[in-house]
Amino acid sequence: MTDPVILANALSKWYNEVIGLNSFNLEIGKGITGIVGPNGSGKSTLFKLVTGTIRPNSGTLLVMGQKPWKNPEQLSKIGFCPDYDFLPPDLTGREFLSFSGGLHGMQGTPLDARIEEVLAVVEMKGAADRKLGGYSKGMRQRMKIAGSLIHDPELLLLDEPLTGTDPMVRREIIELVKHLHKDHGHDIVVSSHVLHEIERMTHQVALIYKGRAVASGDISEIRRLMSDHPHDIVLEGKEMLALARLLLDKQFTVSLELSPDRRTLHVKVSQPEEFFDEVPDLIRESGSTIERMESLDDDLESVFRYLVRW
């Protein structure tokens, strides 16, 4: 077993009466890990603690085996891409990377060579000499990530890198994140409040809510935590009343709700696998015609809702 990249134990941070993290416990290993939670859940506070920007009020935090607070040598191994747009509009992409490298003590030929490497990694060579103010949202996101990579960090922190991007750009950024780990060896922690986007990058996730880690691990393990909670399924079609009567006799049925026009049936079930196994036979037996059947709990968003509700 390798040592964790990030290890938090009873970690707390508060701002006067506002709690950022509350007795927060989390272990993050190598690879890509998604930090998922709604706005205000504590994701940005965690990143600030990991980068040594703020000091915890209590508990312990180790990043690659060391405390980040007042530890410049340790922080040189971390690259951070914040969620806000900080790119100076009058600089070119190349000038911005030169400035970013200078902040890490890089200069001369080694810096110039590294700038070319990073531009190739984020596929921005063609726009490197254009002003940042003329960049699209996707280009700006790529250049922000490039700035966090310039000093070749071991650990890369990406805070909400997909916010405000269109579907095409989101797909490009997701592929870039996977490329940075697989082909360049960076351990990556990426935050988001959109769960299915994280699932496209990695299956290792930590769900954060109100300053606490609600659950962490492989998403398949987290899904199993839902097994004792009812799942919502919607069916639309004809002869739904007959189907509802058959479902009432099944042990897996928790509740049924039929719409006034008797075309939509909302079912809560305790064992979704059994429901989906039996429902074809029940449809045939009832004489129903199904035009739509949808599980409302078929993505990570529902996992998060269940875990924070119970």
C-alpha atoms as a PDB file:
ATOM      1  CA  MET A   1       0.000   0.000   0.000  1.00  0.00           C
ATOM      2  CA  THR A   2       1.293   3.467  -0.883  1.00  0.00           C
ATOM      3  CA  ASP A   3       1.040   6.387   1.517  1.00  0.00           C
ATOM      4  CA  PRO A   4      -2.012   8.601   0.945  1.00  0.00           C
ATOM      5  CA  VAL A   5      -1.537  11.747  -1.105  1.00  0.00           C
ATOM      6  CA  ILE A   6      -3.846  13.666   1.245  1.00  0.00           C
ATOM      7  CA  LEU A   7      -4.777  12.578   4.761  1.00  0.00           C
ATOM      8  CA  ALA A   8      -7.183  14.641   6.881  1.00  0.00           C
ATOM      9  CA  ASN A   9      -8.031  13.637  10.449  1.00  0.00           C
ATOM     10  CA  ALA A  10     -10.631  15.534  12.507  1.00  0.00           C
ATOM     11  CA  LEU A  11      -9.787  18.581  10.396  1.00  0.00           C
ATOM     12  CA  SER A  12     -11.776  21.723  11.188  1.00  0.00           C
ATOM     13  CA  LYS A  13     -11.692  25.236   9.797  1.00  0.00           C
ATOM     14  CA  TRP A  14     -14.094  28.019  10.624  1.00  0.00           C
ATOM     15  CA  TYR A  15     -14.386  31.692   9.736  1.00  0.00           C
ATOM     16  CA  ASN A  16     -15.839  33.440  12.778  1.00  0.00           C
ATOM     17  CA  GLU A  17     -19.266  31.751  13.016  1.00  0.00           C
ATOM     18  CA  VAL A  18     -19.126  30.139   9.563  1.00  0.00           C
ATOM     19  CA  ILE A  19     -17.865  26.541   9.464  1.00  0.00           C
ATOM     20  CA  GLY A  20     -15.816  25.571   6.422  1.00  0.00           C
ATOM     21  CA  LEU A  21     -14.855  22.041   7.485  1.00  0.00           C
ATOM     22  CA  ASN A  22     -16.175  20.283  10.576  1.00  0.00           C
ATOM     23  CA  SER A  23     -14.213  17.322  12.016  1.00  0.00           C
ATOM     24  CA  PHE A  24     -13.394  16.376   8.446  1.00  0.00           C
ATOM     25  CA  ASN A  25     -11.875  12.934   7.823  1.00  0.00           C
ATOM     26  CA  LEU A  26     -10.644  11.866   4.390  1.00  0.00           C
ATOM     27  CA  GLU A  27      -7.893   9.796   2.800  1.00  0.00           C
ATOM     28  CA  ILE A  28      -7.026  10.368  -0.862  1.00  0.00           C
ATOM     29  CA  GLY A  29      -4.740   7.972  -2.675  1.00  0.00           C
ATOM     30  CA  LYS A  30      -2.811   8.247  -5.922  1.00  0.00           C
ATOM     31  CA  GLY A  31      -4.552   8.706  -9.248  1.00  0.00           C
ATOM     32  CA  ILE A  32      -7.545  10.936  -9.973  1.00  0.00           C
ATOM     33  CA  THR A  33      -9.984  11.653  -7.148  1.00  0.00           C
ATOM     34  CA  GLY A  34     -13.171  13.664  -7.468  1.00  0.00           C
ATOM     35  CA  ILE A  35     -14.344  15.934  -4.649  1.00  0.00           C
ATOM     36  CA  VAL A  36     -18.079  16.397  -5.059  1.00  0.00           C
ATOM     37  CA  GLY A  37     -20.514  18.593  -3.182  1.00  0.00           C
ATOM     38  CA  PRO A  38     -22.857  21.557  -3.574  1.00  0.00           C
ATOM     39  CA  ASN A  39     -21.633  25.124  -3.410  1.00  0.00           C
ATOM     40  CA  GLY A  40     -20.663  25.952   0.161  1.00  0.00           C
ATOM     41  CA  SER A  41     -19.996  22.340   1.119  1.00  0.00           C
ATOM     42  CA  GLY A  42     -16.319  22.917   1.957  1.00  0.00           C
ATOM     43  CA  LYS A  43     -14.535  21.990  -1.279  1.00  0.00           C
ATOM     44  CA  SER A  44     -12.712  25.309  -1.682  1.00  0.00           C
ATOM     45  CA  THR A  45     -11.813  25.392   2.021  1.00  0.00           C
ATOM     46  CA  LEU A  46     -10.198  21.974   1.656  1.00  0.00           C
ATOM     47  CA  PHE A  47      -8.146  23.168  -1.327  1.00  0.00           C
ATOM     48  CA  LYS A  48      -7.005  26.273   0.556  1.00  0.00           C
ATOM     49  CA  LEU A  49      -5.858  24.103   3.447  1.00  0.00           C
ATOM     50  CA  VAL A  50      -4.046  21.683   1.130  1.00  0.00           C
ATOM     51  CA  THR A  51      -2.207  24.567  -0.564  1.00  0.00           C
ATOM     52  CA  GLY A  52      -1.268  26.144   2.774  1.00  0.00           C
ATOM     53  CA  THR A  53      -3.210  29.320   2.028  1.00  0.00           C
ATOM     54  CA  ILE A  54      -5.045  29.054   5.345  1.00  0.00           C
ATOM     55  CA  ARG A  55      -4.298  27.276   8.605  1.00  0.00           C
ATOM     56  CA  PRO A  56      -6.641  24.716  10.198  1.00  0.00           C
ATOM     57  CA  ASN A  57      -8.199  25.553  13.548  1.00  0.00           C
ATOM     58  CA  SER A  58      -7.930  21.960  14.726  1.00  0.00           C
ATOM     59  CA  GLY A  59      -7.128  18.469  13.518  1.00  0.00           C
ATOM     60  CA  THR A  60      -4.304  17.361  11.248  1.00  0.00           C
ATOM     61  CA  LEU A  61      -3.678  17.538   7.514  1.00  0.00           C
ATOM     62  CA  LEU A  62      -0.851  15.793   5.699  1.00  0.00           C
ATOM     63  CA  VAL A  63      -0.182  16.333   2.005  1.00  0.00           C
ATOM     64  CA  MET A  64       2.284  13.815   0.587  1.00  0.00           C
ATOM     65  CA  GLY A  65       3.310  13.101   4.169  1.00  0.00           C
ATOM     66  CA  GLN A  66       3.920  16.695   5.287  1.00  0.00           C
ATOM     67  CA  LYS A  67       1.966  19.565   6.774  1.00  0.00           C
ATOM     68  CA  PRO A  68       1.373  22.257   4.113  1.00  0.00           C
ATOM     69  CA  TRP A  69       1.130  25.268   6.420  1.00  0.00           C
ATOM     70  CA  LYS A  70       4.350  27.369   6.223  1.00  0.00           C
ATOM     71  CA  ASN A  71       6.066  24.679   4.155  1.00  0.00           C
ATOM     72  CA  PRO A  72       7.274  26.300   0.890  1.00  0.00           C
ATOM     73  CA  GLU A  73       9.293  23.274  -0.188  1.00  0.00           C
ATOM     74  CA  GLN A  74       6.220  21.076   0.091  1.00  0.00           C
ATOM     75  CA  LEU A  75       4.037  23.582  -1.745  1.00  0.00           C
ATOM     76  CA  SER A  76       6.446  23.580  -4.702  1.00  0.00           C
ATOM     77  CA  LYS A  77       5.196  20.036  -5.402  1.00  0.00           C
ATOM     78  CA  ILE A  78       1.578  21.213  -5.751  1.00  0.00           C
ATOM     79  CA  GLY A  79      -0.112  22.861  -8.722  1.00  0.00           C
ATOM     80  CA  PHE A  80      -3.383  24.707  -8.134  1.00  0.00           C
ATOM     81  CA  CYS A  81      -5.954  25.810 -10.703  1.00  0.00           C
ATOM     82  CA  PRO A  82      -8.619  27.943  -8.937  1.00  0.00           C
ATOM     83  CA  ASP A  83     -12.246  28.162  -9.952  1.00  0.00           C
ATOM     84  CA  TYR A  84     -12.167  31.891 -10.698  1.00  0.00           C
ATOM     85  CA  ASP A  85     -10.807  33.505 -13.859  1.00  0.00           C
ATOM     86  CA  PHE A  86      -7.595  35.382 -13.048  1.00  0.00           C
ATOM     87  CA  LEU A  87      -5.916  35.558 -16.472  1.00  0.00           C
ATOM     88  CA  PRO A  88      -4.604  39.063 -17.321  1.00  0.00           C
ATOM     89  CA  PRO A  89      -6.231  40.038 -20.645  1.00  0.00           C
ATOM     90  CA  ASP A  90      -3.262  42.024 -22.015  1.00  0.00           C
ATOM     91  CA  LEU A  91      -0.726  39.182 -21.749  1.00  0.00           C
ATOM     92  CA  THR A  92      -0.284  36.514 -24.379  1.00  0.00           C
ATOM     93  CA  GLY A  93      -0.547  32.883 -23.346  1.00  0.00           C
ATOM     94  CA  ARG A  94       3.225  32.498 -23.612  1.00  0.00           C
ATOM     95  CA  GLU A  95       3.835  35.617 -21.500  1.00  0.00           C
ATOM     96  CA  PHE A  96       1.443  34.324 -18.844  1.00  0.00           C
ATOM     97  CA  LEU A  97       3.292  31.010 -18.621  1.00  0.00           C
ATOM     98  CA  SER A  98       6.615  32.839 -18.428  1.00  0.00           C
ATOM     99  CA  PHE A  99       5.247  34.917 -15.551  1.00  0.00           C
ATOM    100  CA  SER A 100       3.874  31.792 -13.821  1.00  0.00           C
ATOM    101  CA  GLY A 101       7.216  30.025 -14.179  1.00  0.00           C
ATOM    102  CA  GLY A 102       9.007  33.036 -12.759  1.00  0.00           C
ATOM    103  CA  LEU A 103       6.902  32.791  -9.614  1.00  0.00           C
ATOM    104  CA  HIS A 104       8.407  29.312  -9.137  1.00  0.00           C
ATOM    105  CA  GLY A 105      11.981  30.577  -9.650  1.00  0.00           C
ATOM    106  CA  MET A 106      12.207  29.278 -13.213  1.00  0.00           C
ATOM    107  CA  GLN A 107      14.021  31.291 -15.866  1.00  0.00           C
ATOM    108  CA  GLY A 108      16.044  31.209 -19.064  1.00  0.00           C
ATOM    109  CA  THR A 109      16.299  28.214 -21.358  1.00  0.00           C
ATOM    110  CA  PRO A 110      14.799  25.665 -18.886  1.00  0.00           C
ATOM    111  CA  LEU A 111      11.694  27.848 -18.527  1.00  0.00           C
ATOM    112  CA  ASP A 112      11.382  28.365 -22.293  1.00  0.00           C
ATOM    113  CA  ALA A 113      11.632  24.613 -22.860  1.00  0.00           C
ATOM    114  CA  ARG A 114       9.052  23.879 -20.187  1.00  0.00           C
ATOM    115  CA  ILE A 115       6.642  26.434 -21.664  1.00  0.00           C
ATOM    116  CA  GLU A 116       6.794  24.601 -24.994  1.00  0.00           C
ATOM    117  CA  GLU A 117       6.185  21.268 -23.245  1.00  0.00           C
ATOM    118  CA  VAL A 118       3.162  22.564 -21.346  1.00  0.00           C
ATOM    119  CA  LEU A 119       1.667  24.264 -24.397  1.00  0.00           C
ATOM    120  CA  ALA A 120       1.871  20.936 -26.214  1.00  0.00           C
ATOM    121  CA  VAL A 121       0.249  19.068 -23.299  1.00  0.00           C
ATOM    122  CA  VAL A 122      -2.772  21.387 -23.178  1.00  0.00           C
ATOM    123  CA  GLU A 123      -2.833  21.726 -26.988  1.00  0.00           C
ATOM    124  CA  MET A 124      -2.461  25.509 -26.977  1.00  0.00           C
ATOM    125  CA  LYS A 125       0.655  26.055 -29.121  1.00  0.00           C
ATOM    126  CA  GLY A 126      -1.365  27.599 -31.917  1.00  0.00           C
ATOM    127  CA  ALA A 127      -2.825  30.285 -29.634  1.00  0.00           C
ATOM    128  CA  ALA A 128       0.225  30.869 -27.416  1.00  0.00           C
ATOM    129  CA  ASP A 129       1.043  34.291 -28.885  1.00  0.00           C
ATOM    130  CA  ARG A 130      -2.508  35.634 -28.829  1.00  0.00           C
ATOM    131  CA  LYS A 131      -3.764  37.929 -26.079  1.00  0.00           C
ATOM    132  CA  LEU A 132      -5.559  36.120 -23.270  1.00  0.00           C
ATOM    133  CA  GLY A 133      -8.412  38.628 -23.491  1.00  0.00           C
ATOM    134  CA  GLY A 134      -9.358  37.138 -26.849  1.00  0.00           C
ATOM    135  CA  TYR A 135      -9.462  33.543 -25.660  1.00  0.00           C
ATOM    136  CA  SER A 136     -12.663  31.517 -25.548  1.00  0.00           C
ATOM    137  CA  LYS A 137     -13.832  29.951 -22.275  1.00  0.00           C
ATOM    138  CA  GLY A 138     -12.329  26.602 -23.202  1.00  0.00           C
ATOM    139  CA  MET A 139      -9.002  28.144 -24.175  1.00  0.00           C
ATOM    140  CA  ARG A 140      -8.887  30.093 -20.916  1.00  0.00           C
ATOM    141  CA  GLN A 141      -9.505  26.924 -18.918  1.00  0.00           C
ATOM    142  CA  ARG A 142      -6.688  25.147 -20.751  1.00  0.00           C
ATOM    143  CA  MET A 143      -4.318  28.048 -20.109  1.00  0.00           C
ATOM    144  CA  LYS A 144      -5.239  28.150 -16.424  1.00  0.00           C
ATOM    145  CA  ILE A 145      -4.391  24.458 -16.172  1.00  0.00           C
ATOM    146  CA  ALA A 146      -1.156  25.105 -18.081  1.00  0.00           C
ATOM    147  CA  GLY A 147      -0.170  27.717 -15.508  1.00  0.00           C
ATOM    148  CA  SER A 148      -0.690  25.211 -12.698  1.00  0.00           C
ATOM    149  CA  LEU A 149       1.496  22.685 -14.562  1.00  0.00           C
ATOM    150  CA  ILE A 150       4.444  24.918 -15.407  1.00  0.00           C
ATOM    151  CA  HIS A 151       6.629  23.753 -12.485  1.00  0.00           C
ATOM    152  CA  ASP A 152       5.772  20.061 -13.102  1.00  0.00           C
ATOM    153  CA  PRO A 153       4.028  19.409  -9.755  1.00  0.00           C
ATOM    154  CA  GLU A 154       3.439  15.956  -8.309  1.00  0.00           C
ATOM    155  CA  LEU A 155      -0.079  16.869  -7.167  1.00  0.00           C
ATOM    156  CA  LEU A 156      -2.524  18.891  -9.246  1.00  0.00           C
ATOM    157  CA  LEU A 157      -5.604  20.508  -7.683  1.00  0.00           C
ATOM    158  CA  LEU A 158      -8.368  21.572 -10.068  1.00  0.00           C
ATOM    159  CA  ASP A 159     -11.170  23.558  -8.453  1.00  0.00           C
ATOM    160  CA  GLU A 160     -14.381  23.381 -10.535  1.00  0.00           C
ATOM    161  CA  PRO A 161     -12.570  23.310 -13.923  1.00  0.00           C
ATOM    162  CA  LEU A 162     -15.791  22.611 -15.850  1.00  0.00           C
ATOM    163  CA  THR A 163     -17.863  25.507 -14.502  1.00  0.00           C
ATOM    164  CA  GLY A 164     -19.389  27.655 -17.216  1.00  0.00           C
ATOM    165  CA  THR A 165     -18.169  25.532 -20.118  1.00  0.00           C
ATOM    166  CA  ASP A 166     -20.324  24.157 -22.927  1.00  0.00           C
ATOM    167  CA  PRO A 167     -20.660  20.380 -23.512  1.00  0.00           C
ATOM    168  CA  MET A 168     -17.862  20.270 -26.111  1.00  0.00           C
ATOM    169  CA  VAL A 169     -15.403  22.097 -23.855  1.00  0.00           C
ATOM    170  CA  ARG A 170     -16.376  19.938 -20.877  1.00  0.00           C
ATOM    171  CA  ARG A 171     -15.565  16.821 -22.866  1.00  0.00           C
ATOM    172  CA  GLU A 172     -12.190  18.279 -23.887  1.00  0.00           C
ATOM    173  CA  ILE A 173     -11.273  19.231 -20.306  1.00  0.00           C
ATOM    174  CA  ILE A 174     -12.326  15.811 -19.001  1.00  0.00           C
ATOM    175  CA  GLU A 175     -10.082  14.110 -21.567  1.00  0.00           C
ATOM    176  CA  LEU A 176      -7.232  16.480 -20.659  1.00  0.00           C
ATOM    177  CA  VAL A 177      -7.527  15.615 -16.957  1.00  0.00           C
ATOM    178  CA  LYS A 178      -7.360  11.892 -17.706  1.00  0.00           C
ATOM    179  CA  HIS A 179      -4.398  12.491 -20.032  1.00  0.00           C
ATOM    180  CA  LEU A 180      -2.501  14.415 -17.337  1.00  0.00           C
ATOM    181  CA  HIS A 181      -2.632  11.421 -15.010  1.00  0.00           C
ATOM    182  CA  LYS A 182      -2.287   8.545 -17.450  1.00  0.00           C
ATOM    183  CA  ASP A 183       0.453   9.981 -19.681  1.00  0.00           C
ATOM    184  CA  HIS A 184       2.186  12.516 -17.436  1.00  0.00           C
ATOM    185  CA  GLY A 185       1.907  10.903 -14.011  1.00  0.00           C
ATOM    186  CA  HIS A 186       0.239  13.716 -12.067  1.00  0.00           C
ATOM    187  CA  ASP A 187      -1.926  12.783  -9.104  1.00  0.00           C
ATOM    188  CA  ILE A 188      -5.060  14.888  -9.466  1.00  0.00           C
ATOM    189  CA  VAL A 189      -7.802  16.057  -7.127  1.00  0.00           C
ATOM    190  CA  VAL A 190     -10.649  17.690  -9.045  1.00  0.00           C
ATOM    191  CA  SER A 191     -13.731  19.277  -7.495  1.00  0.00           C
ATOM    192  CA  SER A 192     -17.197  19.725  -8.928  1.00  0.00           C
ATOM    193  CA  HIS A 193     -20.805  20.148  -7.863  1.00  0.00           C
ATOM    194  CA  VAL A 194     -21.924  18.134 -10.907  1.00  0.00           C
ATOM    195  CA  LEU A 195     -21.564  14.491 -10.031  1.00  0.00           C
ATOM    196  CA  HIS A 196     -21.913  12.804 -13.409  1.00  0.00           C
ATOM    197  CA  GLU A 197     -19.055  14.939 -14.771  1.00  0.00           C
ATOM    198  CA  ILE A 198     -16.730  13.602 -12.086  1.00  0.00           C
ATOM    199  CA  GLU A 199     -17.793  10.044 -12.913  1.00  0.00           C
ATOM    200  CA  ARG A 200     -16.537  10.609 -16.472  1.00  0.00           C
ATOM    201  CA  MET A 201     -13.051  11.364 -15.092  1.00  0.00           C
ATOM    202  CA  THR A 202     -12.720   8.818 -12.290  1.00  0.00           C
ATOM    203  CA  HIS A 203     -14.571   6.296 -10.136  1.00  0.00           C
ATOM    204  CA  GLN A 204     -12.708   7.425  -7.002  1.00  0.00           C
ATOM    205  CA  VAL A 205     -14.868  10.066  -5.322  1.00  0.00           C
ATOM    206  CA  ALA A 206     -15.424  11.789  -2.010  1.00  0.00           C
ATOM    207  CA  LEU A 207     -18.838  13.313  -1.336  1.00  0.00           C
ATOM    208  CA  ILE A 208     -18.742  16.417   0.883  1.00  0.00           C
ATOM    209  CA  TYR A 209     -21.717  18.061   2.530  1.00  0.00           C
ATOM    210  CA  LYS A 210     -21.778  20.856   5.124  1.00  0.00           C
ATOM    211  CA  GLY A 211     -18.077  20.510   5.862  1.00  0.00           C
ATOM    212  CA  ARG A 212     -18.037  16.734   6.307  1.00  0.00           C
ATOM    213  CA  ALA A 213     -16.999  13.824   4.101  1.00  0.00           C
ATOM    214  CA  VAL A 214     -20.282  11.950   3.723  1.00  0.00           C
ATOM    215  CA  ALA A 215     -18.754   9.017   1.822  1.00  0.00           C
ATOM    216  CA  SER A 216     -15.618   8.184  -0.130  1.00  0.00           C
ATOM    217  CA  GLY A 217     -14.239   5.368  -2.246  1.00  0.00           C
ATOM    218  CA  ASP A 218     -15.112   3.693  -5.519  1.00  0.00           C
ATOM    219  CA  ILE A 219     -18.458   4.878  -6.824  1.00  0.00           C
ATOM    220  CA  SER A 220     -19.714   1.295  -7.028  1.00  0.00           C
ATOM    221  CA  GLU A 221     -19.134   0.952  -3.269  1.00  0.00           C
ATOM    222  CA  ILE A 222     -20.942   4.215  -2.630  1.00  0.00           C
ATOM    223  CA  ARG A 223     -23.880   3.031  -4.727  1.00  0.00           C
ATOM    224  CA  ARG A 224     -24.173  -0.019  -2.472  1.00  0.00           C
ATOM    225  CA  LEU A 225     -24.721   2.311   0.488  1.00  0.00           C
ATOM    226  CA  MET A 226     -28.074   3.134  -1.110  1.00  0.00           C
ATOM    227  CA  SER A 227     -29.359  -0.442  -1.002  1.00  0.00           C
ATOM    228  CA  ASP A 228     -31.580   0.146   2.044  1.00  0.00           C
ATOM    229  CA  HIS A 229     -33.217   3.271   0.594  1.00  0.00           C
ATOM    230  CA  PRO A 230     -36.147   3.404  -1.852  1.00  0.00           C
ATOM    231  CA  HIS A 231     -35.418   4.133  -5.513  1.00  0.00           C
ATOM    232  CA  ASP A 232     -37.703   6.277  -7.643  1.00  0.00           C
ATOM    233  CA  ILE A 233     -38.920   4.952 -11.002  1.00  0.00           C
ATOM    234  CA  VAL A 234     -41.387   6.592 -13.403  1.00  0.00           C
ATOM    235  CA  LEU A 235     -43.439   4.668 -15.982  1.00  0.00           C
ATOM    236  CA  GLU A 236     -45.675   6.236 -18.627  1.00  0.00           C
ATOM    237  CA  GLY A 237     -48.126   4.522 -20.975  1.00  0.00           C
ATOM    238  CA  LYS A 238     -51.551   2.921 -21.225  1.00  0.00           C
ATOM    239  CA  GLU A 239     -53.420   0.686 -18.749  1.00  0.00           C
ATOM    240  CA  MET A 240     -51.165   1.866 -15.898  1.00  0.00           C
ATOM    241  CA  LEU A 241     -53.857   1.199 -13.272  1.00  0.00           C
ATOM    242  CA  ALA A 242     -53.703  -2.542 -13.997  1.00  0.00           C
ATOM    243  CA  LEU A 243     -49.917  -2.491 -13.643  1.00  0.00           C
ATOM    244  CA  ALA A 244     -50.174  -0.539 -10.388  1.00  0.00           C
ATOM    245  CA  ARG A 245     -52.488  -3.200  -8.925  1.00  0.00           C
ATOM    246  CA  LEU A 246     -49.937  -5.941  -9.670  1.00  0.00           C
ATOM    247  CA  LEU A 247     -47.074  -3.892  -8.232  1.00  0.00           C
ATOM    248  CA  LEU A 248     -48.983  -3.360  -4.981  1.00  0.00           C
ATOM    249  CA  ASP A 249     -48.612  -7.069  -4.202  1.00  0.00           C
ATOM    250  CA  LYS A 250     -44.819  -7.049  -4.565  1.00  0.00           C
ATOM    251  CA  GLN A 251     -42.586  -6.888  -1.484  1.00  0.00           C
ATOM    252  CA  PHE A 252     -40.117  -4.566  -3.203  1.00  0.00           C
ATOM    253  CA  THR A 253     -42.819  -1.907  -3.734  1.00  0.00           C
ATOM    254  CA  VAL A 254     -42.573   0.857  -1.114  1.00  0.00           C
ATOM    255  CA  SER A 255     -45.185   3.234  -2.567  1.00  0.00           C
ATOM    256  CA  LEU A 256     -47.184   3.973  -5.712  1.00  0.00           C
ATOM    257  CA  GLU A 257     -48.581   7.219  -7.108  1.00  0.00           C
ATOM    258  CA  LEU A 258     -50.781   7.333 -10.209  1.00  0.00           C
ATOM    259  CA  SER A 259     -51.283  10.617 -12.062  1.00  0.00           C
ATOM    260  CA  PRO A 260     -54.878  11.949 -12.441  1.00  0.00           C
ATOM    261  CA  ASP A 261     -54.927  10.997 -16.129  1.00  0.00           C
ATOM    262  CA  ARG A 262     -53.748   7.474 -15.170  1.00  0.00           C
ATOM    263  CA  ARG A 263     -50.927   7.603 -17.708  1.00  0.00           C
ATOM    264  CA  THR A 264     -47.973   8.135 -15.355  1.00  0.00           C
ATOM    265  CA  LEU A 265     -47.036   5.786 -12.522  1.00  0.00           C
ATOM    266  CA  HIS A 266     -44.443   6.858  -9.952  1.00  0.00           C
ATOM    267  CA  VAL A 267     -43.041   3.848  -8.059  1.00  0.00           C
ATOM    268  CA  LYS A 268     -40.689   3.687  -5.091  1.00  0.00           C
ATOM    269  CA  VAL A 269     -38.953   0.320  -4.758  1.00  0.00           C
ATOM    270  CA  SER A 270     -36.556  -1.082  -2.164  1.00  0.00           C
ATOM    271  CA  GLN A 271     -34.816  -3.591  -4.455  1.00  0.00           C
ATOM    272  CA  PRO A 272     -34.472  -2.075  -7.928  1.00  0.00           C
ATOM    273  CA  GLU A 273     -32.799  -5.201  -9.346  1.00  0.00           C
ATOM    274  CA  GLU A 274     -35.843  -7.305  -8.459  1.00  0.00           C
ATOM    275  CA  PHE A 275     -38.174  -4.664  -9.875  1.00  0.00           C
ATOM    276  CA  PHE A 276     -36.402  -4.577 -13.235  1.00  0.00           C
ATOM    277  CA  ASP A 277     -36.246  -8.369 -13.345  1.00  0.00           C
ATOM    278  CA  GLU A 278     -39.994  -8.757 -12.808  1.00  0.00           C
ATOM    279  CA  VAL A 279     -41.447  -5.719 -14.521  1.00  0.00           C
ATOM    280  CA  PRO A 280     -41.464  -7.197 -18.090  1.00  0.00           C
ATOM    281  CA  ASP A 281     -43.663 -10.078 -16.918  1.00  0.00           C
ATOM    282  CA  LEU A 282     -45.869  -7.711 -14.932  1.00  0.00           C
ATOM    283  CA  ILE A 283     -46.347  -5.499 -17.986  1.00  0.00           C
ATOM    284  CA  ARG A 284     -47.411  -8.469 -20.109  1.00  0.00           C
ATOM    285  CA  GLU A 285     -49.736  -9.762 -17.377  1.00  0.00           C
ATOM    286  CA  SER A 286     -51.399  -6.378 -16.899  1.00  0.00           C
ATOM    287  CA  GLY A 287     -51.789  -5.684 -20.611  1.00  0.00           C
ATOM    288  CA  SER A 288     -50.064  -2.330 -20.166  1.00  0.00           C
ATOM    289  CA  THR A 289     -48.243  -0.523 -22.956  1.00  0.00           C
ATOM    290  CA  ILE A 290     -45.127   1.286 -21.694  1.00  0.00           C
ATOM    291  CA  GLU A 291     -44.032   4.368 -23.626  1.00  0.00           C
ATOM    292  CA  ARG A 292     -41.387   5.531 -21.147  1.00  0.00           C
ATOM    293  CA  MET A 293     -39.652   4.004 -18.137  1.00  0.00           C
ATOM    294  CA  GLU A 294     -36.994   5.996 -16.321  1.00  0.00           C
ATOM    295  CA  SER A 295     -35.073   5.477 -13.104  1.00  0.00           C
ATOM    296  CA  LEU A 296     -34.635   8.796 -11.343  1.00  0.00           C
ATOM    297  CA  ASP A 297     -31.802   7.234  -9.311  1.00  0.00           C
ATOM    298  CA  ASP A 298     -29.583   6.111 -12.150  1.00  0.00           C
ATOM    299  CA  ASP A 299     -26.747   8.600 -11.690  1.00  0.00           C
ATOM    300  CA  LEU A 300     -24.347   9.956  -9.103  1.00  0.00           C
ATOM    301  CA  GLU A 301     -26.601  12.916  -8.363  1.00  0.00           C
ATOM    302  CA  SER A 302     -29.134  10.601  -6.778  1.00  0.00           C
ATOM    303  CA  VAL A 303     -26.421   8.833  -4.769  1.00  0.00           C
ATOM    304  CA  PHE A 304     -25.457  12.183  -3.288  1.00  0.00           C
ATOM    305  CA  ARG A 305     -29.065  13.095  -2.477  1.00  0.00           C
ATOM    306  CA  TYR A 306     -29.618   9.813  -0.656  1.00  0.00           C
ATOM    307  CA  LEU A 307     -26.400   9.974   1.331  1.00  0.00           C
ATOM    308  CA  VAL A 308     -27.028  13.480   2.605  1.00  0.00           C
ATOM    309  CA  ARG A 309     -30.690  12.790   3.338  1.00  0.00           C
ATOM    310  CA  TRP A 310     -30.335   9.740   5.554  1.00  0.00           C
END
